[in-house]
Amino acid sequence: MHDIVDLESRGIPGVFVATVQFEDGAVAQARALGAPAAAVYTEHPIQDRTDDEMLGIANAAFDALVARLTQN
């Protein structure tokens, strides 16, 4: 979260990615840093997923990531 907020403060688009399990914590952290960061949340858990499962999760998040990076 710190890195994304730092990048955004320099005018470099960034997106924070985490699983839905960490959404509340990420929102609170962004608020504490004074800058809500763009975020995309994926299904949880990701630990012990197969490569094919991770590819599916990444593909499912792709459009949201692009949208967050390109919105003004």
Protein backbone atom coordinates (compact mmCIF):
# COMPACT_ATOMS: atom_id res chain seq x y z
CA MET A 1 0.00 0.00 0.00
CA HIS A 2 2.81 2.42 0.84
CA ASP A 3 4.37 1.89 -2.60
CA ILE A 4 1.12 2.49 -4.48
CA VAL A 5 0.37 5.67 -2.50
CA ASP A 6 3.95 6.86 -3.14
CA LEU A 7 3.71 6.16 -6.88
CA GLU A 8 0.35 7.91 -7.13
CA SER A 9 1.75 10.96 -5.29
CA ARG A 10 4.40 11.20 -8.03
CA GLY A 11 1.84 10.96 -10.80
CA ILE A 12 2.63 7.35 -11.65
CA PRO A 13 -0.50 5.19 -11.87
CA GLY A 14 -0.54 2.20 -9.58
CA VAL A 15 -3.04 -0.37 -8.34
CA PHE A 16 -2.94 -2.25 -5.06
CA VAL A 17 -3.86 -5.93 -5.43
CA ALA A 18 -4.90 -8.18 -2.56
CA THR A 19 -7.45 -10.83 -1.77
CA VAL A 20 -10.87 -9.89 -0.42
CA GLN A 21 -9.76 -11.10 3.02
CA PHE A 22 -7.51 -8.01 3.30
CA GLU A 23 -9.90 -5.39 1.92
CA ASP A 24 -10.83 -3.81 5.27
CA GLY A 25 -7.17 -3.56 6.31
CA ALA A 26 -6.16 -2.11 2.96
CA VAL A 27 -8.88 0.54 3.08
CA ALA A 28 -7.86 1.49 6.63
CA GLN A 29 -4.17 1.64 5.66
CA ALA A 30 -4.86 3.82 2.63
CA ARG A 31 -6.97 6.13 4.77
CA ALA A 32 -4.18 6.33 7.37
CA LEU A 33 -1.72 7.25 4.63
CA GLY A 34 -4.04 10.05 3.57
CA ALA A 35 -4.52 8.89 0.03
CA PRO A 36 -7.03 6.26 -1.04
CA ALA A 37 -5.22 4.01 -3.48
CA ALA A 38 -6.86 2.30 -6.42
CA ALA A 39 -7.33 -1.34 -5.50
CA VAL A 40 -8.47 -4.61 -7.01
CA TYR A 41 -9.41 -7.51 -4.76
CA THR A 42 -9.24 -11.13 -5.84
CA GLU A 43 -10.74 -14.28 -4.40
CA HIS A 44 -9.22 -15.72 -1.25
CA PRO A 45 -7.14 -17.70 -0.49
CA ILE A 46 -4.37 -17.80 -3.06
CA GLN A 47 -1.96 -19.90 -1.03
CA ASP A 48 -1.51 -23.41 -2.41
CA ARG A 49 -3.30 -22.61 -5.69
CA THR A 50 -2.18 -24.38 -8.81
CA ASP A 51 -0.67 -22.44 -11.67
CA ASP A 52 -3.89 -22.86 -13.64
CA GLU A 53 -5.96 -21.56 -10.72
CA MET A 54 -3.67 -18.53 -10.34
CA LEU A 55 -3.94 -17.86 -14.06
CA GLY A 56 -7.72 -17.91 -13.72
CA ILE A 57 -7.59 -15.46 -10.82
CA ALA A 58 -5.25 -13.17 -12.75
CA ASN A 59 -7.41 -13.31 -15.86
CA ALA A 60 -10.51 -12.51 -13.81
CA ALA A 61 -8.78 -9.44 -12.33
CA PHE A 62 -7.20 -8.18 -15.56
CA ASP A 63 -10.02 -5.93 -16.80
CA ALA A 64 -10.44 -4.34 -13.37
CA LEU A 65 -6.69 -3.70 -13.16
CA VAL A 66 -6.59 -2.03 -16.57
CA ALA A 67 -9.66 0.04 -15.73
CA ARG A 68 -8.15 1.25 -12.45
CA LEU A 69 -4.85 2.11 -14.12
CA THR A 70 -6.46 4.08 -16.93
CA GLN A 71 -9.26 5.94 -15.17
CA ASN A 72 -8.73 9.61 -14.44
